[in-house]
Amino acid sequence: MHARPDDVLHLHTLGPNGTNLEAASHEWLRRRGVEGGTVTLHSSIEEALEAVPDDGRHALTACAVYPALHTLVFANLHRLHMIDSFVMPTHNMVLASRGTDTPATVASHPAPMGLVTPALAPASAEVREVLSNSQAAIDCAEGRVDGCITTIVAAERHGLRVLRDFGPVPMVFTVHQVLAVEAGALAGQPLAGAAR
């Protein structure tokens, strides 16, 4: 089966609600004029990939700065085909808290973790890694941490106080169609550049 972007009706990506990847998925469907398309959210991109049917109608939406995206792509070359990429600004990225001005513990997805130090300098904070920007906001709202790096959408949804607004970040998002590969399709193929 060959990659065909026009066949994609359903996107799978990182949740919970309020992630930049959720917004990018809806934007991709809108830009392509896909009516009746769906976006399904998962706790991680890796979990999303495992849940995506390989019928060509489903795809994975990822982000160029997603940690280990290269590993995910190259470990799944047999069924994961990049069919599109596009630049879109993220939601405003923010440092938020439940009330304190100087959070001692901050939840963050690995990708925007670099925002913690400049936001709290010279104070130091313990950073706790979570699976998404939205999960960071949930953990903060539920009292697991004092602050979080998250999106303005997630901060507002969970009633958090914005301490610093970093604004939107122009970001590259990628769409990977998931296809079944015929048995033996990859077997016996010479490596690119290999002597013949």
N, C-alpha and C. Protein backbone atom coordinates (compact mmCIF):
# COMPACT_ATOMS: atom_id res chain seq x y z
N MET A 1 0.86 -1.17 0.00
CA MET A 1 0.00 0.00 0.00
C MET A 1 0.90 1.23 0.00
N HIS A 2 0.59 2.20 -0.84
CA HIS A 2 1.40 3.41 -0.94
C HIS A 2 0.76 4.54 -0.15
N ALA A 3 1.60 5.43 0.39
CA ALA A 3 1.11 6.57 1.15
C ALA A 3 0.27 7.48 0.27
N ARG A 4 -0.92 7.81 0.76
CA ARG A 4 -1.83 8.69 0.03
C ARG A 4 -2.49 9.63 1.03
N PRO A 5 -1.98 10.87 1.14
CA PRO A 5 -2.51 11.82 2.12
C PRO A 5 -4.02 12.02 2.01
N ASP A 6 -4.56 11.97 0.80
CA ASP A 6 -5.99 12.23 0.64
C ASP A 6 -6.87 11.15 1.26
N ASP A 7 -6.28 10.00 1.59
CA ASP A 7 -7.05 8.93 2.24
C ASP A 7 -7.23 9.16 3.74
N VAL A 8 -6.41 10.04 4.33
CA VAL A 8 -6.41 10.22 5.79
C VAL A 8 -7.63 11.02 6.25
N LEU A 9 -8.39 10.41 7.15
CA LEU A 9 -9.58 11.04 7.73
C LEU A 9 -9.49 11.18 9.24
N HIS A 10 -8.58 10.43 9.86
CA HIS A 10 -8.52 10.37 11.32
C HIS A 10 -7.09 10.57 11.79
N LEU A 11 -6.91 11.49 12.72
CA LEU A 11 -5.59 11.76 13.27
C LEU A 11 -5.53 11.34 14.73
N HIS A 12 -4.39 10.83 15.12
CA HIS A 12 -4.13 10.42 16.50
C HIS A 12 -2.94 11.23 16.99
N THR A 13 -3.03 11.73 18.22
CA THR A 13 -1.94 12.57 18.72
C THR A 13 -1.97 12.65 20.24
N LEU A 14 -1.13 13.53 20.76
CA LEU A 14 -0.92 13.68 22.19
C LEU A 14 -2.04 14.46 22.86
N GLY A 15 -2.56 13.94 23.94
CA GLY A 15 -3.56 14.61 24.76
C GLY A 15 -3.01 14.82 26.15
N PRO A 16 -3.85 15.15 27.12
CA PRO A 16 -5.29 15.38 27.02
C PRO A 16 -5.61 16.72 26.34
N ASN A 17 -6.90 17.10 26.33
CA ASN A 17 -7.34 18.30 25.63
C ASN A 17 -6.47 19.50 25.95
N GLY A 18 -6.22 20.31 24.92
CA GLY A 18 -5.49 21.56 25.10
C GLY A 18 -4.05 21.53 24.65
N THR A 19 -3.59 20.41 24.08
CA THR A 19 -2.20 20.35 23.61
C THR A 19 -2.07 21.09 22.28
N ASN A 20 -0.86 21.51 21.99
CA ASN A 20 -0.58 22.11 20.69
C ASN A 20 -0.80 21.09 19.58
N LEU A 21 -0.51 19.83 19.85
CA LEU A 21 -0.70 18.79 18.84
C LEU A 21 -2.17 18.56 18.53
N GLU A 22 -3.04 18.71 19.51
CA GLU A 22 -4.47 18.61 19.23
C GLU A 22 -4.88 19.75 18.30
N ALA A 23 -4.43 20.97 18.61
CA ALA A 23 -4.76 22.12 17.76
C ALA A 23 -4.21 21.93 16.35
N ALA A 24 -2.98 21.44 16.24
CA ALA A 24 -2.36 21.22 14.92
C ALA A 24 -3.13 20.17 14.13
N SER A 25 -3.60 19.13 14.80
CA SER A 25 -4.36 18.08 14.11
C SER A 25 -5.65 18.64 13.52
N HIS A 26 -6.37 19.42 14.31
CA HIS A 26 -7.61 20.03 13.80
C HIS A 26 -7.29 20.99 12.65
N GLU A 27 -6.19 21.72 12.76
CA GLU A 27 -5.80 22.65 11.71
C GLU A 27 -5.46 21.91 10.41
N TRP A 28 -4.76 20.78 10.52
CA TRP A 28 -4.42 20.00 9.32
C TRP A 28 -5.68 19.52 8.61
N LEU A 29 -6.63 19.00 9.39
CA LEU A 29 -7.88 18.55 8.79
C LEU A 29 -8.62 19.72 8.13
N ARG A 30 -8.63 20.88 8.80
CA ARG A 30 -9.30 22.06 8.25
C ARG A 30 -8.64 22.50 6.94
N ARG A 31 -7.31 22.60 6.95
CA ARG A 31 -6.59 23.05 5.75
C ARG A 31 -6.82 22.12 4.56
N ARG A 32 -6.99 20.85 4.84
CA ARG A 32 -7.18 19.88 3.74
C ARG A 32 -8.66 19.72 3.37
N GLY A 33 -9.54 20.40 4.09
CA GLY A 33 -10.96 20.32 3.78
C GLY A 33 -11.59 18.98 4.10
N VAL A 34 -11.04 18.30 5.10
CA VAL A 34 -11.56 16.99 5.49
C VAL A 34 -12.81 17.17 6.34
N GLU A 35 -13.93 16.71 5.81
CA GLU A 35 -15.19 16.77 6.57
C GLU A 35 -15.41 15.44 7.25
N GLY A 36 -15.86 15.48 8.49
CA GLY A 36 -16.11 14.26 9.24
C GLY A 36 -14.85 13.62 9.78
N GLY A 37 -13.72 14.34 9.71
CA GLY A 37 -12.47 13.82 10.27
C GLY A 37 -12.51 13.85 11.79
N THR A 38 -11.68 13.03 12.40
CA THR A 38 -11.64 12.97 13.85
C THR A 38 -10.21 13.12 14.36
N VAL A 39 -10.10 13.59 15.60
CA VAL A 39 -8.81 13.67 16.29
C VAL A 39 -8.97 12.89 17.59
N THR A 40 -8.15 11.86 17.75
CA THR A 40 -8.17 11.04 18.95
C THR A 40 -6.92 11.34 19.76
N LEU A 41 -7.10 11.58 21.06
CA LEU A 41 -5.99 11.95 21.93
C LEU A 41 -5.52 10.75 22.75
N HIS A 42 -4.20 10.68 22.94
CA HIS A 42 -3.57 9.59 23.67
C HIS A 42 -2.60 10.18 24.70
N SER A 43 -2.17 9.39 25.66
CA SER A 43 -1.30 9.89 26.72
C SER A 43 0.13 10.12 26.25
N SER A 44 0.53 9.53 25.12
CA SER A 44 1.85 9.77 24.55
C SER A 44 1.78 9.51 23.05
N ILE A 45 2.75 10.04 22.32
CA ILE A 45 2.81 9.78 20.88
C ILE A 45 3.07 8.29 20.64
N GLU A 46 3.90 7.71 21.49
CA GLU A 46 4.19 6.28 21.35
C GLU A 46 2.93 5.44 21.53
N GLU A 47 2.12 5.78 22.53
CA GLU A 47 0.86 5.06 22.74
C GLU A 47 -0.08 5.29 21.55
N ALA A 48 -0.08 6.50 21.03
CA ALA A 48 -0.93 6.80 19.87
C ALA A 48 -0.56 5.90 18.69
N LEU A 49 0.73 5.78 18.43
CA LEU A 49 1.17 4.95 17.31
C LEU A 49 0.69 3.51 17.45
N GLU A 50 0.75 2.99 18.66
CA GLU A 50 0.32 1.61 18.88
C GLU A 50 -1.19 1.44 18.65
N ALA A 51 -1.96 2.52 18.83
CA ALA A 51 -3.41 2.43 18.70
C ALA A 51 -3.90 2.72 17.29
N VAL A 52 -3.04 3.27 16.42
CA VAL A 52 -3.48 3.68 15.09
C VAL A 52 -3.65 2.46 14.18
N PRO A 53 -4.84 2.29 13.62
CA PRO A 53 -5.03 1.20 12.65
C PRO A 53 -4.16 1.45 11.42
N ASP A 54 -3.67 0.38 10.80
CA ASP A 54 -2.78 0.53 9.64
C ASP A 54 -3.54 0.40 8.33
N ASP A 55 -4.69 1.08 8.27
CA ASP A 55 -5.55 0.98 7.07
C ASP A 55 -5.37 2.15 6.11
N GLY A 56 -4.46 3.07 6.41
CA GLY A 56 -4.23 4.21 5.55
C GLY A 56 -5.18 5.37 5.76
N ARG A 57 -6.25 5.15 6.51
CA ARG A 57 -7.22 6.22 6.80
C ARG A 57 -6.86 6.96 8.08
N HIS A 58 -5.89 6.44 8.80
CA HIS A 58 -5.46 7.01 10.08
C HIS A 58 -4.02 7.48 9.98
N ALA A 59 -3.70 8.54 10.72
CA ALA A 59 -2.34 9.06 10.73
C ALA A 59 -2.01 9.56 12.13
N LEU A 60 -0.73 9.73 12.34
CA LEU A 60 -0.19 10.23 13.60
C LEU A 60 0.28 11.66 13.39
N THR A 61 -0.14 12.58 14.26
CA THR A 61 0.37 13.95 14.20
C THR A 61 1.44 14.08 15.27
N ALA A 62 2.61 14.55 14.87
CA ALA A 62 3.73 14.73 15.79
C ALA A 62 4.27 16.15 15.64
N CYS A 63 5.32 16.42 16.36
CA CYS A 63 5.92 17.75 16.39
C CYS A 63 7.42 17.59 16.22
N ALA A 64 8.04 18.50 15.49
CA ALA A 64 9.46 18.39 15.20
C ALA A 64 10.32 18.37 16.47
N VAL A 65 9.84 18.97 17.55
CA VAL A 65 10.63 19.00 18.79
C VAL A 65 10.21 17.91 19.78
N TYR A 66 9.33 17.00 19.35
CA TYR A 66 8.93 15.92 20.25
C TYR A 66 10.14 15.04 20.55
N PRO A 67 10.46 14.83 21.82
CA PRO A 67 11.63 14.01 22.16
C PRO A 67 11.55 12.62 21.52
N ALA A 68 12.65 12.20 20.97
CA ALA A 68 12.79 10.87 20.38
C ALA A 68 11.89 10.62 19.18
N LEU A 69 11.43 11.69 18.51
CA LEU A 69 10.63 11.49 17.30
C LEU A 69 11.45 10.72 16.26
N HIS A 70 12.74 11.01 16.20
CA HIS A 70 13.60 10.30 15.24
C HIS A 70 13.60 8.80 15.50
N THR A 71 13.63 8.41 16.76
CA THR A 71 13.60 6.99 17.10
C THR A 71 12.28 6.36 16.70
N LEU A 72 11.19 7.05 16.97
CA LEU A 72 9.86 6.55 16.63
C LEU A 72 9.74 6.36 15.12
N VAL A 73 10.22 7.33 14.35
CA VAL A 73 10.12 7.25 12.90
C VAL A 73 10.97 6.11 12.35
N PHE A 74 12.23 6.06 12.73
CA PHE A 74 13.12 5.06 12.14
C PHE A 74 12.84 3.64 12.63
N ALA A 75 12.26 3.51 13.80
CA ALA A 75 11.90 2.18 14.28
C ALA A 75 10.63 1.66 13.62
N ASN A 76 9.93 2.55 12.92
CA ASN A 76 8.65 2.16 12.31
C ASN A 76 8.59 2.48 10.82
N LEU A 77 9.74 2.48 10.15
CA LEU A 77 9.76 2.78 8.72
C LEU A 77 8.88 1.83 7.91
N HIS A 78 8.68 0.63 8.44
CA HIS A 78 7.89 -0.37 7.73
C HIS A 78 6.40 -0.02 7.67
N ARG A 79 5.95 0.92 8.50
CA ARG A 79 4.52 1.25 8.47
C ARG A 79 4.19 2.72 8.67
N LEU A 80 5.17 3.54 8.97
CA LEU A 80 4.95 4.95 9.27
C LEU A 80 5.54 5.79 8.13
N HIS A 81 4.69 6.53 7.44
CA HIS A 81 5.11 7.29 6.27
C HIS A 81 4.78 8.77 6.47
N MET A 82 5.82 9.63 6.52
CA MET A 82 5.58 11.06 6.66
C MET A 82 4.96 11.57 5.36
N ILE A 83 3.76 12.14 5.48
CA ILE A 83 3.04 12.60 4.29
C ILE A 83 2.91 14.11 4.24
N ASP A 84 3.20 14.79 5.35
CA ASP A 84 3.07 16.24 5.33
C ASP A 84 3.80 16.83 6.53
N SER A 85 4.15 18.10 6.38
CA SER A 85 4.65 18.90 7.50
C SER A 85 4.20 20.32 7.25
N PHE A 86 3.99 21.05 8.31
CA PHE A 86 3.53 22.43 8.16
C PHE A 86 3.93 23.23 9.39
N VAL A 87 4.05 24.53 9.19
CA VAL A 87 4.39 25.42 10.30
C VAL A 87 3.12 26.09 10.78
N MET A 88 2.95 26.09 12.09
CA MET A 88 1.81 26.72 12.72
C MET A 88 2.26 27.22 14.08
N PRO A 89 1.82 28.39 14.52
CA PRO A 89 2.20 28.82 15.86
C PRO A 89 1.49 27.98 16.93
N THR A 90 2.21 27.70 17.99
CA THR A 90 1.60 27.01 19.12
C THR A 90 0.65 27.96 19.83
N HIS A 91 -0.12 27.43 20.76
CA HIS A 91 -0.80 28.29 21.71
C HIS A 91 0.30 29.05 22.46
N ASN A 92 -0.04 30.17 23.08
CA ASN A 92 0.95 30.85 23.91
C ASN A 92 1.45 29.87 24.96
N MET A 93 2.76 29.80 25.11
CA MET A 93 3.36 28.96 26.14
C MET A 93 3.52 29.82 27.39
N VAL A 94 3.19 29.26 28.55
CA VAL A 94 3.19 30.05 29.78
C VAL A 94 3.80 29.27 30.94
N LEU A 95 4.29 30.02 31.91
CA LEU A 95 4.60 29.48 33.23
C LEU A 95 3.40 29.85 34.08
N ALA A 96 2.77 28.87 34.69
CA ALA A 96 1.56 29.12 35.48
C ALA A 96 1.68 28.44 36.82
N SER A 97 0.86 28.89 37.77
CA SER A 97 0.86 28.28 39.09
C SER A 97 -0.55 28.30 39.67
N ARG A 98 -0.67 27.64 40.82
CA ARG A 98 -1.94 27.65 41.53
C ARG A 98 -2.06 28.91 42.38
N GLY A 99 -1.02 29.74 42.44
CA GLY A 99 -1.10 30.98 43.21
C GLY A 99 0.25 31.55 43.59
N THR A 100 1.23 30.70 43.83
CA THR A 100 2.53 31.19 44.25
C THR A 100 3.26 31.91 43.12
N ASP A 101 4.07 32.90 43.49
CA ASP A 101 4.89 33.62 42.50
C ASP A 101 6.18 32.88 42.17
N THR A 102 6.63 32.03 43.08
CA THR A 102 7.90 31.31 42.89
C THR A 102 7.69 29.82 43.18
N PRO A 103 7.18 29.08 42.20
CA PRO A 103 6.95 27.65 42.43
C PRO A 103 8.24 26.90 42.70
N ALA A 104 8.19 26.03 43.70
CA ALA A 104 9.36 25.21 44.04
C ALA A 104 9.43 23.96 43.18
N THR A 105 8.28 23.50 42.71
CA THR A 105 8.22 22.34 41.81
C THR A 105 7.42 22.75 40.57
N VAL A 106 7.95 22.37 39.40
CA VAL A 106 7.32 22.76 38.14
C VAL A 106 7.20 21.53 37.25
N ALA A 107 6.00 21.27 36.76
CA ALA A 107 5.78 20.19 35.80
C ALA A 107 5.97 20.72 34.39
N SER A 108 6.63 19.91 33.56
CA SER A 108 6.84 20.32 32.17
C SER A 108 7.03 19.09 31.29
N HIS A 109 6.51 19.19 30.07
CA HIS A 109 6.86 18.22 29.04
C HIS A 109 8.33 18.46 28.71
N PRO A 110 9.09 17.45 28.27
CA PRO A 110 10.51 17.66 27.97
C PRO A 110 10.79 18.75 26.93
N ALA A 111 9.93 18.89 25.92
CA ALA A 111 10.21 19.83 24.84
C ALA A 111 10.35 21.28 25.32
N PRO A 112 9.41 21.83 26.11
CA PRO A 112 9.56 23.23 26.54
C PRO A 112 10.25 23.39 27.90
N MET A 113 10.88 22.33 28.39
CA MET A 113 11.49 22.37 29.72
C MET A 113 12.52 23.49 29.85
N GLY A 114 13.14 23.88 28.74
CA GLY A 114 14.14 24.95 28.77
C GLY A 114 13.56 26.29 29.17
N LEU A 115 12.25 26.43 29.21
CA LEU A 115 11.63 27.69 29.62
C LEU A 115 11.63 27.87 31.13
N VAL A 116 11.84 26.81 31.89
CA VAL A 116 11.75 26.90 33.35
C VAL A 116 12.84 27.80 33.92
N THR A 117 14.08 27.58 33.55
CA THR A 117 15.19 28.33 34.14
C THR A 117 15.09 29.82 33.88
N PRO A 118 14.91 30.27 32.61
CA PRO A 118 14.81 31.72 32.42
C PRO A 118 13.60 32.33 33.12
N ALA A 119 12.54 31.57 33.24
CA ALA A 119 11.33 32.10 33.86
C ALA A 119 11.50 32.30 35.35
N LEU A 120 12.30 31.46 36.00
CA LEU A 120 12.42 31.51 37.45
C LEU A 120 13.78 32.00 37.93
N ALA A 121 14.67 32.37 36.99
CA ALA A 121 16.00 32.82 37.38
C ALA A 121 15.89 34.05 38.27
N PRO A 122 16.67 34.16 39.34
CA PRO A 122 17.73 33.24 39.72
C PRO A 122 17.25 32.10 40.62
N ALA A 123 15.96 32.07 40.96
CA ALA A 123 15.46 30.99 41.82
C ALA A 123 15.58 29.65 41.12
N SER A 124 15.73 28.60 41.89
CA SER A 124 15.79 27.27 41.30
C SER A 124 14.52 26.52 41.64
N ALA A 125 14.12 25.64 40.75
CA ALA A 125 12.92 24.85 40.98
C ALA A 125 13.21 23.42 40.55
N GLU A 126 12.57 22.50 41.22
CA GLU A 126 12.64 21.09 40.81
C GLU A 126 11.68 20.91 39.64
N VAL A 127 12.17 20.38 38.54
CA VAL A 127 11.33 20.17 37.37
C VAL A 127 10.93 18.70 37.31
N ARG A 128 9.64 18.48 37.18
CA ARG A 128 9.11 17.12 37.06
C ARG A 128 8.58 16.92 35.65
N GLU A 129 9.12 15.92 34.99
CA GLU A 129 8.76 15.65 33.60
C GLU A 129 7.41 14.96 33.53
N VAL A 130 6.57 15.46 32.60
CA VAL A 130 5.25 14.86 32.34
C VAL A 130 5.12 14.61 30.84
N LEU A 131 4.06 13.94 30.44
CA LEU A 131 3.91 13.51 29.05
C LEU A 131 3.36 14.56 28.10
N SER A 132 2.77 15.65 28.63
CA SER A 132 2.25 16.69 27.73
C SER A 132 2.11 18.00 28.49
N ASN A 133 1.98 19.09 27.72
CA ASN A 133 1.74 20.41 28.33
C ASN A 133 0.42 20.43 29.09
N SER A 134 -0.58 19.75 28.55
CA SER A 134 -1.87 19.70 29.22
C SER A 134 -1.78 18.92 30.53
N GLN A 135 -1.02 17.83 30.54
CA GLN A 135 -0.85 17.06 31.77
C GLN A 135 -0.13 17.89 32.82
N ALA A 136 0.80 18.74 32.39
CA ALA A 136 1.50 19.63 33.34
C ALA A 136 0.49 20.53 34.06
N ALA A 137 -0.47 21.08 33.31
CA ALA A 137 -1.49 21.94 33.91
C ALA A 137 -2.38 21.16 34.86
N ILE A 138 -2.73 19.94 34.49
CA ILE A 138 -3.57 19.10 35.36
C ILE A 138 -2.83 18.81 36.66
N ASP A 139 -1.56 18.42 36.56
CA ASP A 139 -0.78 18.12 37.76
C ASP A 139 -0.68 19.33 38.67
N CYS A 140 -0.55 20.52 38.10
CA CYS A 140 -0.48 21.74 38.89
C CYS A 140 -1.83 22.02 39.56
N ALA A 141 -2.88 21.95 38.79
CA ALA A 141 -4.22 22.22 39.33
C ALA A 141 -4.59 21.24 40.44
N GLU A 142 -4.10 20.01 40.35
CA GLU A 142 -4.42 18.99 41.36
C GLU A 142 -3.44 19.00 42.53
N GLY A 143 -2.49 19.93 42.54
CA GLY A 143 -1.59 20.09 43.67
C GLY A 143 -0.38 19.17 43.71
N ARG A 144 -0.09 18.47 42.62
CA ARG A 144 1.09 17.60 42.59
C ARG A 144 2.38 18.41 42.46
N VAL A 145 2.26 19.62 41.87
CA VAL A 145 3.38 20.55 41.73
C VAL A 145 2.85 21.96 41.99
N ASP A 146 3.78 22.89 42.21
CA ASP A 146 3.38 24.28 42.47
C ASP A 146 3.15 25.07 41.19
N GLY A 147 3.85 24.69 40.11
CA GLY A 147 3.75 25.43 38.86
C GLY A 147 3.92 24.51 37.68
N CYS A 148 3.78 25.08 36.48
CA CYS A 148 3.91 24.27 35.27
C CYS A 148 4.24 25.13 34.06
N ILE A 149 4.90 24.51 33.12
CA ILE A 149 5.03 25.09 31.78
C ILE A 149 3.94 24.42 30.96
N THR A 150 3.06 25.24 30.40
CA THR A 150 1.89 24.70 29.71
C THR A 150 1.43 25.68 28.65
N THR A 151 0.30 25.39 28.05
CA THR A 151 -0.29 26.33 27.09
C THR A 151 -1.27 27.24 27.82
N ILE A 152 -1.50 28.41 27.24
CA ILE A 152 -2.48 29.33 27.83
C ILE A 152 -3.86 28.67 27.88
N VAL A 153 -4.16 27.85 26.88
CA VAL A 153 -5.46 27.15 26.83
C VAL A 153 -5.61 26.23 28.03
N ALA A 154 -4.58 25.43 28.32
CA ALA A 154 -4.65 24.49 29.44
C ALA A 154 -4.64 25.24 30.77
N ALA A 155 -3.85 26.31 30.87
CA ALA A 155 -3.81 27.10 32.12
C ALA A 155 -5.18 27.67 32.44
N GLU A 156 -5.83 28.24 31.44
CA GLU A 156 -7.16 28.81 31.66
C GLU A 156 -8.18 27.73 31.97
N ARG A 157 -8.11 26.60 31.27
CA ARG A 157 -9.05 25.51 31.49
C ARG A 157 -9.00 25.01 32.94
N HIS A 158 -7.81 25.05 33.53
CA HIS A 158 -7.65 24.50 34.88
C HIS A 158 -7.53 25.58 35.96
N GLY A 159 -7.88 26.81 35.62
CA GLY A 159 -7.94 27.89 36.60
C GLY A 159 -6.60 28.29 37.19
N LEU A 160 -5.53 28.20 36.40
CA LEU A 160 -4.20 28.54 36.90
C LEU A 160 -3.89 30.02 36.65
N ARG A 161 -3.00 30.55 37.44
CA ARG A 161 -2.56 31.94 37.32
C ARG A 161 -1.30 31.98 36.45
N VAL A 162 -1.32 32.78 35.40
CA VAL A 162 -0.17 32.90 34.52
C VAL A 162 0.87 33.82 35.15
N LEU A 163 2.08 33.29 35.34
CA LEU A 163 3.18 34.07 35.90
C LEU A 163 4.02 34.72 34.81
N ARG A 164 4.13 34.02 33.68
CA ARG A 164 4.90 34.56 32.55
C ARG A 164 4.35 33.97 31.27
N ASP A 165 4.13 34.85 30.30
CA ASP A 165 3.61 34.43 29.01
C ASP A 165 4.75 34.56 27.99
N PHE A 166 5.18 33.43 27.43
CA PHE A 166 6.26 33.41 26.45
C PHE A 166 5.75 33.65 25.03
N GLY A 167 4.45 33.69 24.86
CA GLY A 167 3.86 33.90 23.55
C GLY A 167 3.81 32.62 22.73
N PRO A 168 3.29 32.72 21.51
CA PRO A 168 3.24 31.55 20.63
C PRO A 168 4.63 31.26 20.06
N VAL A 169 4.86 30.01 19.71
CA VAL A 169 6.14 29.59 19.14
C VAL A 169 5.86 29.02 17.75
N PRO A 170 6.46 29.58 16.70
CA PRO A 170 6.29 28.96 15.38
C PRO A 170 6.84 27.53 15.44
N MET A 171 6.04 26.56 15.04
CA MET A 171 6.42 25.16 15.22
C MET A 171 6.15 24.35 13.96
N VAL A 172 7.00 23.36 13.73
CA VAL A 172 6.79 22.43 12.63
C VAL A 172 6.04 21.21 13.18
N PHE A 173 4.93 20.90 12.55
CA PHE A 173 4.16 19.71 12.89
C PHE A 173 4.25 18.74 11.71
N THR A 174 4.26 17.46 12.02
CA THR A 174 4.39 16.43 10.99
C THR A 174 3.21 15.48 11.05
N VAL A 175 2.84 14.96 9.89
CA VAL A 175 1.74 14.00 9.81
C VAL A 175 2.28 12.73 9.17
N HIS A 176 2.05 11.59 9.84
CA HIS A 176 2.59 10.31 9.43
C HIS A 176 1.44 9.33 9.20
N GLN A 177 1.24 8.94 7.96
CA GLN A 177 0.21 7.96 7.65
C GLN A 177 0.69 6.57 8.08
N VAL A 178 -0.21 5.80 8.64
CA VAL A 178 0.13 4.45 9.09
C VAL A 178 -0.48 3.46 8.10
N LEU A 179 0.41 2.68 7.48
CA LEU A 179 0.00 1.75 6.43
C LEU A 179 0.48 0.34 6.70
N ALA A 180 -0.30 -0.61 6.29
CA ALA A 180 0.13 -2.00 6.33
C ALA A 180 1.18 -2.20 5.25
N VAL A 181 2.18 -2.97 5.53
CA VAL A 181 3.21 -3.27 4.55
C VAL A 181 3.05 -4.73 4.15
N GLU A 182 3.10 -4.96 2.85
CA GLU A 182 2.96 -6.33 2.37
C GLU A 182 4.11 -7.16 2.91
N ALA A 183 3.81 -8.40 3.26
CA ALA A 183 4.84 -9.30 3.80
C ALA A 183 6.02 -9.36 2.85
N GLY A 184 7.19 -9.21 3.41
CA GLY A 184 8.42 -9.30 2.63
C GLY A 184 8.74 -8.06 1.82
N ALA A 185 7.94 -6.99 1.94
CA ALA A 185 8.18 -5.79 1.14
C ALA A 185 9.53 -5.17 1.44
N LEU A 186 9.97 -5.25 2.70
CA LEU A 186 11.25 -4.66 3.05
C LEU A 186 12.39 -5.67 2.98
N ALA A 187 12.06 -6.94 2.95
CA ALA A 187 13.09 -7.97 2.93
C ALA A 187 13.79 -7.98 1.57
N GLY A 188 15.08 -8.11 1.62
CA GLY A 188 15.85 -8.25 0.39
C GLY A 188 16.11 -6.98 -0.37
N GLN A 189 15.62 -5.82 0.12
CA GLN A 189 15.89 -4.57 -0.56
C GLN A 189 17.32 -4.14 -0.25
N PRO A 190 18.10 -3.74 -1.26
CA PRO A 190 19.45 -3.28 -0.97
C PRO A 190 19.44 -1.96 -0.24
N LEU A 191 20.45 -1.73 0.58
CA LEU A 191 20.58 -0.45 1.26
C LEU A 191 20.90 0.62 0.23
N ALA A 192 20.41 1.83 0.49
CA ALA A 192 20.71 2.93 -0.44
C ALA A 192 22.21 3.12 -0.52
N GLY A 193 22.71 3.22 -1.71
CA GLY A 193 24.14 3.44 -1.90
C GLY A 193 24.98 2.19 -1.82
N ALA A 194 24.36 1.05 -1.55
CA ALA A 194 25.12 -0.19 -1.42
C ALA A 194 25.58 -0.65 -2.79
N ALA A 195 26.72 -1.31 -2.83
CA ALA A 195 27.23 -1.83 -4.09
C ALA A 195 26.29 -2.89 -4.63
N ARG A 196 26.12 -2.90 -5.94
CA ARG A 196 25.20 -3.87 -6.54
C ARG A 196 25.97 -4.78 -7.44
